[in-house]
Amino acid sequence: MILGIIPSRYASTRFPGKPLADINGKTMIQRVYEQAIQATSLSKVVVATDDERIAKHVLSFGGEVVMTSTEHPSGTDRCWEALQKTGGDYSYVINIQGDEPFIEPSQIDTLAAVLQDGDTQLATLVIPTNNYDVLADMSNVKVVMNERNEALYFSRMMIPYVKGAPQQEWHKQFTYHRHIGMYAYRTDLLEQICKLPIGTLEKAESLEQLRWLQAGYTIQCAITNYDCHSIDNPEDVEKVLRLMGGA
């Protein structure tokens, strides 16, 4: 069984109260929850929050919620506490981003599909990208994989380097992949990765998943063709609504 967890914090430097922001008649957290429960691969979906306002709102629209500590440094740590408090015999947890109100349920199912053998340790989503501006943007994380679609490395830089070609032409000579921040964790490993010390690669790139790679864990990549549109600040709301046709 797979447990879907949506970590949701009220505090945000760029967008305080973001989970409760109105997105064309519904809050962001309600939209994420309603999309997530449509995924056929999930046995249960809960919102993991540290804020009573979010918890009360989730309950008001019929969602399930778990109260967690205010001290968690990441969504992964919040997922570990939420898993403990939820209980149940789950093989995997899927961490669903709480700031992507129009996430496709099929994206969750695509990620879940690589978990079927039970051997996969960790997994995440990636999308092929041939747009130079997107690839050159350091806020967009790129990933290189081996022949089994296991992650070799994640970076804010365009990787790999294409020798003998100007950087603006690299995407025409290599199939690049951009990381989409949805994670799956095998439940027996979730506590382990939460206890790992921050590694030198994570410090350099400020990417949590590099801590796991540097410690020797394997991250399986599932490829999706659905893009994700996260909301990081109030200005993103209108932009995402335009992209989604005012849904």
Protein backbone atom coordinates (compact mmCIF):
# COMPACT_ATOMS: atom_id res chain seq x y z
CA MET A 1 0.00 0.00 0.00
CA ILE A 2 1.08 3.57 -0.69
CA LEU A 3 0.36 6.53 1.56
CA GLY A 4 0.16 9.96 -0.06
CA ILE A 5 1.29 12.80 2.20
CA ILE A 6 0.93 16.50 1.39
CA PRO A 7 3.26 18.50 3.67
CA SER A 8 1.74 21.93 4.29
CA ARG A 9 3.24 24.83 6.27
CA TYR A 10 1.56 28.17 6.93
CA ALA A 11 4.83 30.07 7.31
CA SER A 12 6.50 31.04 4.05
CA THR A 13 9.04 33.80 3.50
CA ARG A 14 7.76 34.67 0.03
CA PHE A 15 4.07 33.78 0.48
CA PRO A 16 2.78 33.54 4.08
CA GLY A 17 -0.43 31.51 4.33
CA LYS A 18 0.13 30.04 0.88
CA PRO A 19 -1.84 26.80 1.46
CA LEU A 20 -4.98 28.84 2.19
CA ALA A 21 -4.58 31.17 -0.80
CA ASP A 22 -7.62 31.34 -3.08
CA ILE A 23 -7.05 29.75 -6.47
CA ASN A 24 -10.12 30.58 -8.51
CA GLY A 25 -12.65 29.73 -5.80
CA LYS A 26 -10.81 27.00 -3.89
CA THR A 27 -7.79 27.10 -1.62
CA MET A 28 -4.50 25.78 -2.87
CA ILE A 29 -4.42 22.94 -0.35
CA GLN A 30 -7.95 21.84 -1.26
CA ARG A 31 -7.05 21.73 -4.96
CA VAL A 32 -3.92 19.67 -4.27
CA TYR A 33 -5.84 17.27 -2.03
CA GLU A 34 -8.68 16.82 -4.53
CA GLN A 35 -6.20 16.07 -7.31
CA ALA A 36 -4.20 13.66 -5.15
CA ILE A 37 -7.17 11.52 -4.08
CA GLN A 38 -7.92 10.88 -7.76
CA ALA A 39 -4.65 8.94 -8.10
CA THR A 40 -5.60 5.26 -8.28
CA SER A 41 -2.29 4.12 -6.77
CA LEU A 42 -2.77 5.73 -3.36
CA SER A 43 -4.49 3.85 -0.54
CA LYS A 44 -4.85 6.99 1.56
CA VAL A 45 -4.03 10.72 1.34
CA VAL A 46 -3.36 12.96 4.35
CA VAL A 47 -2.26 16.56 4.77
CA ALA A 48 0.64 16.91 7.23
CA THR A 49 0.66 20.40 8.75
CA ASP A 50 1.97 22.33 11.74
CA ASP A 51 -0.80 24.93 11.70
CA GLU A 52 -4.28 24.72 13.22
CA ARG A 53 -5.76 27.03 10.56
CA ILE A 54 -4.72 24.66 7.80
CA ALA A 55 -5.87 21.62 9.79
CA LYS A 56 -9.33 23.07 10.41
CA HIS A 57 -9.70 24.04 6.77
CA VAL A 58 -8.73 20.57 5.54
CA LEU A 59 -11.27 19.00 7.86
CA SER A 60 -13.93 21.47 6.66
CA PHE A 61 -13.78 20.12 3.10
CA GLY A 62 -13.65 16.49 4.21
CA GLY A 63 -9.92 15.91 4.00
CA GLU A 64 -7.75 13.95 6.40
CA VAL A 65 -5.07 15.78 8.37
CA VAL A 66 -2.17 14.96 10.69
CA MET A 67 -0.67 17.56 13.02
CA THR A 68 3.14 17.63 12.96
CA SER A 69 5.95 19.56 14.59
CA THR A 70 6.86 23.15 13.67
CA GLU A 71 10.54 22.23 13.80
CA HIS A 72 10.90 20.06 10.69
CA PRO A 73 13.62 21.29 8.30
CA SER A 74 12.06 19.63 5.25
CA GLY A 75 8.94 17.99 3.86
CA THR A 76 10.71 14.64 4.09
CA ASP A 77 11.04 14.98 7.87
CA ARG A 78 7.39 16.00 8.10
CA CYS A 79 6.43 12.91 6.09
CA TRP A 80 8.26 10.67 8.54
CA GLU A 81 6.33 12.05 11.52
CA ALA A 82 3.05 11.92 9.59
CA LEU A 83 3.66 8.27 8.67
CA GLN A 84 4.24 7.38 12.32
CA LYS A 85 1.06 9.13 13.43
CA THR A 86 -1.07 7.75 10.59
CA GLY A 87 -0.14 4.14 11.22
CA GLY A 88 -1.04 1.40 8.76
CA ASP A 89 1.01 -1.16 6.86
CA TYR A 90 2.31 1.06 4.05
CA SER A 91 5.20 -0.02 1.83
CA TYR A 92 5.84 3.47 0.45
CA VAL A 93 5.10 7.10 1.11
CA ILE A 94 4.69 9.57 -1.75
CA ASN A 95 5.47 13.17 -0.82
CA ILE A 96 3.12 15.37 -2.87
CA GLN A 97 4.03 19.03 -3.20
CA GLY A 98 1.44 21.27 -1.57
CA ASP A 99 2.04 24.24 -3.87
CA GLU A 100 1.05 22.62 -7.19
CA PRO A 101 -2.76 23.01 -7.26
CA PHE A 102 -3.19 21.51 -10.73
CA ILE A 103 -1.01 18.45 -10.34
CA GLU A 104 -2.14 15.61 -12.59
CA PRO A 105 -3.25 12.47 -10.70
CA SER A 106 -1.55 10.45 -13.44
CA GLN A 107 1.80 11.93 -12.39
CA ILE A 108 1.38 10.34 -8.98
CA ASP A 109 0.45 7.03 -10.62
CA THR A 110 3.49 7.26 -12.93
CA LEU A 111 5.75 7.60 -9.90
CA ALA A 112 3.94 4.79 -8.08
CA ALA A 113 4.42 2.47 -11.06
CA VAL A 114 8.19 2.21 -10.43
CA LEU A 115 7.56 1.04 -6.87
CA GLN A 116 5.77 -2.19 -7.75
CA ASP A 117 8.74 -4.52 -7.22
CA GLY A 118 9.16 -3.32 -3.64
CA ASP A 119 12.93 -3.09 -4.14
CA THR A 120 13.02 0.57 -5.13
CA GLN A 121 14.54 2.59 -2.30
CA LEU A 122 13.61 6.12 -3.33
CA ALA A 123 12.01 7.54 -6.46
CA THR A 124 11.17 10.86 -8.05
CA LEU A 125 9.74 12.39 -11.22
CA VAL A 126 11.62 13.95 -14.13
CA ILE A 127 10.49 15.50 -17.39
CA PRO A 128 12.34 15.81 -20.73
CA THR A 129 13.11 19.47 -21.40
CA ASN A 130 14.41 21.06 -24.60
CA ASN A 131 13.81 24.71 -23.69
CA TYR A 132 17.13 26.49 -23.23
CA ASP A 133 15.73 29.23 -21.00
CA VAL A 134 14.24 26.65 -18.63
CA LEU A 135 17.47 24.67 -18.54
CA ALA A 136 19.62 27.75 -17.97
CA ASP A 137 17.47 28.85 -15.02
CA MET A 138 19.34 27.86 -11.84
CA SER A 139 16.05 27.47 -9.96
CA ASN A 140 15.20 24.53 -12.24
CA VAL A 141 17.04 21.39 -11.13
CA LYS A 142 18.48 19.12 -13.80
CA VAL A 143 19.22 15.40 -13.45
CA VAL A 144 21.37 12.86 -15.30
CA MET A 145 20.51 9.16 -15.16
CA ASN A 146 22.02 5.79 -15.96
CA GLU A 147 20.50 3.26 -18.36
CA ARG A 148 18.14 2.02 -15.63
CA ASN A 149 16.83 5.57 -15.12
CA GLU A 150 18.52 5.79 -11.73
CA ALA A 151 19.73 9.25 -10.83
CA LEU A 152 23.46 9.80 -11.12
CA TYR A 153 23.40 13.44 -10.05
CA PHE A 154 21.12 16.45 -9.64
CA SER A 155 22.34 19.97 -10.28
CA ARG A 156 21.18 23.54 -10.72
CA MET A 157 23.66 23.72 -13.61
CA MET A 158 22.98 22.32 -17.08
CA ILE A 159 24.41 18.82 -16.97
CA PRO A 160 26.04 17.23 -18.83
CA TYR A 161 28.43 19.67 -20.47
CA VAL A 162 28.38 19.23 -24.25
CA LYS A 163 31.94 19.58 -25.51
CA GLY A 164 32.51 21.45 -28.73
CA ALA A 165 29.15 23.23 -28.82
CA PRO A 166 28.04 26.64 -27.53
CA GLN A 167 25.95 26.32 -24.39
CA GLN A 168 22.88 27.78 -26.13
CA GLU A 169 22.97 24.76 -28.49
CA TRP A 170 23.45 21.99 -25.91
CA HIS A 171 19.75 21.15 -25.69
CA LYS A 172 19.73 20.41 -29.41
CA GLN A 173 22.40 17.75 -29.02
CA PHE A 174 21.39 16.03 -25.78
CA THR A 175 18.08 15.05 -24.15
CA TYR A 176 18.04 16.95 -20.87
CA HIS A 177 15.72 16.14 -17.95
CA ARG A 178 14.37 18.53 -15.36
CA HIS A 179 13.53 17.35 -11.88
CA ILE A 180 9.96 17.52 -10.57
CA GLY A 181 10.00 17.52 -6.78
CA MET A 182 7.66 14.66 -5.96
CA TYR A 183 9.34 11.90 -3.95
CA ALA A 184 8.55 8.32 -3.04
CA TYR A 185 10.24 6.74 -0.03
CA ARG A 186 10.25 3.09 0.97
CA THR A 187 8.88 3.27 4.49
CA ASP A 188 11.66 1.22 6.08
CA LEU A 189 14.19 3.76 4.77
CA LEU A 190 12.36 7.00 5.55
CA GLU A 191 13.60 7.21 9.13
CA GLN A 192 17.15 6.44 7.96
CA ILE A 193 17.34 9.26 5.43
CA CYS A 194 15.86 11.72 7.93
CA LYS A 195 18.75 10.97 10.29
CA LEU A 196 21.48 11.48 7.69
CA PRO A 197 23.83 14.42 8.28
CA ILE A 198 23.91 17.11 5.60
CA GLY A 199 26.59 16.21 3.07
CA THR A 200 29.01 18.37 1.12
CA LEU A 201 27.04 18.02 -2.13
CA GLU A 202 23.80 19.17 -0.50
CA LYS A 203 25.63 22.13 1.04
CA ALA A 204 27.01 23.10 -2.34
CA GLU A 205 23.79 22.85 -4.38
CA SER A 206 21.17 23.22 -1.60
CA LEU A 207 19.41 20.07 -2.84
CA GLU A 208 18.19 17.57 -0.24
CA GLN A 209 18.25 14.60 -2.61
CA LEU A 210 22.03 14.88 -2.98
CA ARG A 211 22.33 13.91 0.70
CA TRP A 212 20.70 10.58 -0.13
CA LEU A 213 22.83 9.97 -3.22
CA GLN A 214 26.04 10.84 -1.40
CA ALA A 215 25.09 8.40 1.38
CA GLY A 216 24.76 5.60 -1.20
CA TYR A 217 20.99 5.36 -1.64
CA THR A 218 19.48 4.77 -5.09
CA ILE A 219 16.91 7.20 -6.51
CA GLN A 220 14.79 5.73 -9.32
CA CYS A 221 13.50 8.28 -11.82
CA ALA A 222 10.08 8.00 -13.42
CA ILE A 223 9.59 10.02 -16.60
CA THR A 224 6.48 12.12 -17.07
CA ASN A 225 5.42 14.38 -19.90
CA TYR A 226 3.13 16.47 -17.71
CA ASP A 227 4.77 19.66 -16.53
CA CYS A 228 4.21 21.01 -13.02
CA HIS A 229 3.48 24.61 -12.15
CA SER A 230 4.29 25.50 -8.57
CA ILE A 231 3.19 28.66 -6.80
CA ASP A 232 6.05 30.27 -4.89
CA ASN A 233 4.75 33.83 -4.52
CA PRO A 234 1.43 35.71 -4.96
CA GLU A 235 2.33 36.73 -8.53
CA ASP A 236 2.50 33.06 -9.55
CA VAL A 237 -1.23 32.59 -8.93
CA GLU A 238 -2.31 34.50 -12.04
CA LYS A 239 0.47 32.97 -14.10
CA VAL A 240 -0.55 29.42 -13.19
CA LEU A 241 -4.23 30.17 -13.82
CA ARG A 242 -3.39 31.42 -17.30
CA LEU A 243 -1.36 28.30 -18.01
CA MET A 244 -4.17 26.07 -16.79
CA GLY A 245 -6.87 27.98 -18.68
CA GLY A 246 -8.50 29.44 -15.57
CA ALA A 247 -9.48 26.03 -14.14
